[in-house]
C-alpha atoms as a PDB file:
ATOM      1  CA  PRO A   1     -14.017  28.715   7.134  1.00  0.00           C
ATOM      2  CA  VAL A   2     -15.530  25.331   7.932  1.00  0.00           C
ATOM      3  CA  SER A   3     -12.999  22.589   8.576  1.00  0.00           C
ATOM      4  CA  SER A   4     -12.930  19.602   6.240  1.00  0.00           C
ATOM      5  CA  ARG A   5     -10.913  17.548   8.737  1.00  0.00           C
ATOM      6  CA  ILE A   6     -12.212  15.156  11.373  1.00  0.00           C
ATOM      7  CA  PHE A   7     -10.821  13.501  14.484  1.00  0.00           C
ATOM      8  CA  CYS A   8     -11.451   9.752  14.803  1.00  0.00           C
ATOM      9  CA  GLY A   9     -11.113   8.390  18.330  1.00  0.00           C
ATOM     10  CA  GLY A  10     -11.438   4.913  19.786  1.00  0.00           C
ATOM     11  CA  LEU A  11     -10.000   3.224  16.706  1.00  0.00           C
ATOM     12  CA  PRO A  12      -9.452  -0.535  16.953  1.00  0.00           C
ATOM     13  CA  GLN A  13      -5.824  -1.723  17.121  1.00  0.00           C
ATOM     14  CA  THR A  14      -6.374  -3.391  13.726  1.00  0.00           C
ATOM     15  CA  CYS A  15      -6.853   0.019  12.072  1.00  0.00           C
ATOM     16  CA  ASP A  16      -4.006   1.437  10.009  1.00  0.00           C
ATOM     17  CA  ASP A  17      -3.819   4.349   7.538  1.00  0.00           C
ATOM     18  CA  ALA A  18      -5.124   2.238   4.656  1.00  0.00           C
ATOM     19  CA  LYS A  19      -8.092   0.897   6.621  1.00  0.00           C
ATOM     20  CA  LEU A  20      -8.993   4.396   7.852  1.00  0.00           C
ATOM     21  CA  HIS A  21      -8.778   5.692   4.274  1.00  0.00           C
ATOM     22  CA  THR A  22     -10.896   2.847   2.911  1.00  0.00           C
ATOM     23  CA  TYR A  23     -13.606   3.315   5.552  1.00  0.00           C
ATOM     24  CA  PHE A  24     -14.015   7.076   5.150  1.00  0.00           C
ATOM     25  CA  SER A  25     -13.559   7.193   1.359  1.00  0.00           C
ATOM     26  CA  ARG A  26     -17.086   5.747   1.074  1.00  0.00           C
ATOM     27  CA  PHE A  27     -18.342   9.235   1.979  1.00  0.00           C
ATOM     28  CA  GLY A  28     -16.263  11.087  -0.625  1.00  0.00           C
ATOM     29  CA  VAL A  29     -12.792  12.028  -1.791  1.00  0.00           C
ATOM     30  CA  LEU A  30     -10.099  12.138   0.895  1.00  0.00           C
ATOM     31  CA  THR A  31      -6.883  14.122   0.828  1.00  0.00           C
ATOM     32  CA  ASP A  32      -5.371  12.357   3.852  1.00  0.00           C
ATOM     33  CA  ALA A  33      -6.049   9.646   6.441  1.00  0.00           C
ATOM     34  CA  LYS A  34      -3.569   9.120   9.259  1.00  0.00           C
ATOM     35  CA  VAL A  35      -3.626   6.853  12.329  1.00  0.00           C
ATOM     36  CA  MET A  36      -1.368   8.246  15.038  1.00  0.00           C
ATOM     37  CA  GLN A  37       1.377   5.845  16.141  1.00  0.00           C
ATOM     38  CA  ASP A  38       3.340   5.546  19.378  1.00  0.00           C
ATOM     39  CA  ARG A  39       6.920   6.392  18.375  1.00  0.00           C
ATOM     40  CA  ALA A  40       8.474   3.956  20.846  1.00  0.00           C
ATOM     41  CA  THR A  41       6.353   0.882  20.075  1.00  0.00           C
ATOM     42  CA  ASN A  42       5.065   1.780  16.580  1.00  0.00           C
ATOM     43  CA  ARG A  43       1.586   0.686  17.713  1.00  0.00           C
ATOM     44  CA  SER A  44      -1.618   2.634  17.105  1.00  0.00           C
ATOM     45  CA  ARG A  45      -2.477   5.228  19.740  1.00  0.00           C
ATOM     46  CA  GLY A  46      -6.168   4.586  19.004  1.00  0.00           C
ATOM     47  CA  PHE A  47      -6.950   7.804  17.179  1.00  0.00           C
ATOM     48  CA  GLY A  48      -6.359   9.464  13.851  1.00  0.00           C
ATOM     49  CA  TYR A  49      -7.356  12.227  11.463  1.00  0.00           C
ATOM     50  CA  VAL A  50      -9.106  12.249   8.118  1.00  0.00           C
ATOM     51  CA  SER A  51      -9.090  15.176   5.681  1.00  0.00           C
ATOM     52  CA  PHE A  52     -11.746  15.451   2.992  1.00  0.00           C
ATOM     53  CA  ALA A  53     -11.391  17.201  -0.353  1.00  0.00           C
ATOM     54  CA  ASP A  54     -14.371  19.440   0.481  1.00  0.00           C
ATOM     55  CA  ALA A  55     -16.278  20.622   3.546  1.00  0.00           C
ATOM     56  CA  HIS A  56     -19.615  19.210   2.320  1.00  0.00           C
ATOM     57  CA  THR A  57     -18.290  15.646   2.421  1.00  0.00           C
ATOM     58  CA  CYS A  58     -17.082  16.290   5.943  1.00  0.00           C
ATOM     59  CA  GLU A  59     -20.581  17.468   6.938  1.00  0.00           C
ATOM     60  CA  VAL A  60     -22.165  14.357   5.417  1.00  0.00           C
ATOM     61  CA  THR A  61     -19.750  12.148   7.358  1.00  0.00           C
ATOM     62  CA  LEU A  62     -20.477  13.923  10.649  1.00  0.00           C
ATOM     63  CA  ALA A  63     -24.241  13.741  10.018  1.00  0.00           C
ATOM     64  CA  GLN A  64     -23.983   9.974   9.568  1.00  0.00           C
ATOM     65  CA  GLY A  65     -24.103   9.507  13.331  1.00  0.00           C
ATOM     66  CA  SER A  66     -22.287   6.515  14.719  1.00  0.00           C
ATOM     67  CA  HIS A  67     -19.438   4.915  12.835  1.00  0.00           C
ATOM     68  CA  ILE A  68     -18.435   1.297  13.438  1.00  0.00           C
ATOM     69  CA  MET A  69     -15.126  -0.272  12.462  1.00  0.00           C
ATOM     70  CA  ASP A  70     -14.340  -3.913  13.316  1.00  0.00           C
ATOM     71  CA  ASP A  71     -17.384  -4.074  15.621  1.00  0.00           C
ATOM     72  CA  LYS A  72     -16.153  -1.051  17.569  1.00  0.00           C
ATOM     73  CA  ILE A  73     -17.933   2.299  17.692  1.00  0.00           C
ATOM     74  CA  ILE A  74     -15.512   5.074  16.833  1.00  0.00           C
ATOM     75  CA  GLU A  75     -15.878   8.683  17.889  1.00  0.00           C
ATOM     76  CA  VAL A  76     -15.931  11.170  15.023  1.00  0.00           C
ATOM     77  CA  LYS A  77     -15.668  14.916  15.648  1.00  0.00           C
ATOM     78  CA  ARG A  78     -14.852  17.985  13.595  1.00  0.00           C
ATOM     79  CA  CYS A  79     -11.320  19.266  13.985  1.00  0.00           C
ATOM     80  CA  GLU A  80     -11.000  22.901  14.939  1.00  0.00           C
ATOM     81  CA  GLU A  81      -8.515  24.837  12.858  1.00  0.00           C
ATOM     82  CA  ARG A  82      -5.509  26.308  14.640  1.00  0.00           C
ATOM     83  CA  GLY A  83      -6.245  29.873  15.679  1.00  0.00           C
ATOM     84  CA  SER A  84     -10.020  29.296  15.764  1.00  0.00           C
ATOM     85  CA  ALA A  85     -12.125  31.037  18.406  1.00  0.00           C
ATOM     86  CA  VAL A  86     -12.978  27.656  19.924  1.00  0.00           C
ATOM     87  CA  LEU A  87      -9.332  26.747  20.474  1.00  0.00           C
ATOM     88  CA  GLN A  88      -8.330  30.237  21.624  1.00  0.00           C
ATOM     89  CA  GLY A  89     -11.013  30.142  24.326  1.00  0.00           C
ATOM     90  CA  ARG A  90      -9.867  26.757  25.602  1.00  0.00           C
ATOM     91  CA  GLN A  91      -7.493  26.705  28.563  1.00  0.00           C
ATOM     92  CA  PHE A  92      -4.875  23.983  28.763  1.00  0.00           C
ATOM     93  CA  GLY A  93      -3.423  22.535  31.938  1.00  0.00           C
ATOM     94  CA  GLY A  94      -6.721  22.115  33.745  1.00  0.00           C
ATOM     95  CA  ALA A  95      -6.842  25.662  35.093  1.00  0.00           C
ATOM     96  CA  LEU A  96     -10.359  26.890  35.721  1.00  0.00           C
ATOM     97  CA  ALA A  97     -11.647  30.380  36.273  1.00  0.00           C
ATOM     98  CA  PRO A  98     -12.267  31.096  39.985  1.00  0.00           C
ATOM     99  CA  ALA A  99     -16.048  30.870  39.537  1.00  0.00           C
ATOM    100  CA  GLN A 100     -15.664  27.367  38.093  1.00  0.00           C
ATOM    101  CA  GLN A 101     -13.398  25.892  40.763  1.00  0.00           C
ATOM    102  CA  PHE A 102     -14.834  23.172  42.952  1.00  0.00           C
ATOM    103  CA  GLY A 103     -15.378  24.430  46.459  1.00  0.00           C
ATOM    104  CA  GLY A 104     -16.399  21.190  48.122  1.00  0.00           C
ATOM    105  CA  GLY A 105     -20.054  22.178  48.129  1.00  0.00           C
ATOM    106  CA  ALA A 106     -19.527  24.974  50.624  1.00  0.00           C
ATOM    107  CA  PRO A 107     -21.131  28.327  49.847  1.00  0.00           C
ATOM    108  CA  PRO A 108     -18.745  31.162  48.977  1.00  0.00           C
ATOM    109  CA  PRO A 109     -17.449  33.045  52.032  1.00  0.00           C
ATOM    110  CA  GLN A 110     -19.453  36.125  52.980  1.00  0.00           C
ATOM    111  CA  GLN A 111     -17.772  39.459  52.799  1.00  0.00           C
ATOM    112  CA  LEU A 112     -17.976  41.320  56.085  1.00  0.00           C
ATOM    113  CA  ALA A 113     -18.321  45.084  55.929  1.00  0.00           C
END
């Protein structure tokens, strides 16, 4: 199933839940809009999530291109659902497969027979 949820990054510090909801509700009906807060300081962490009532509205929002809030371009990407193939293929912790590790530009060692 196609996700109807988006990630919004690079939000201005002036953005709260209500402002995020107001901005994205111009594209269609929302079910949720949440700016993530730092628990210690209660300040915005600069990103949030928006959930739309239907996947089509989400597609329209993503197709819009750049989004600007308070003279700041915000990054908007589709959220991947938990358990999706995209997330299951992603490795956390920065570990790379041996073929992807940086070798300092040196060619791989030759195997001697």
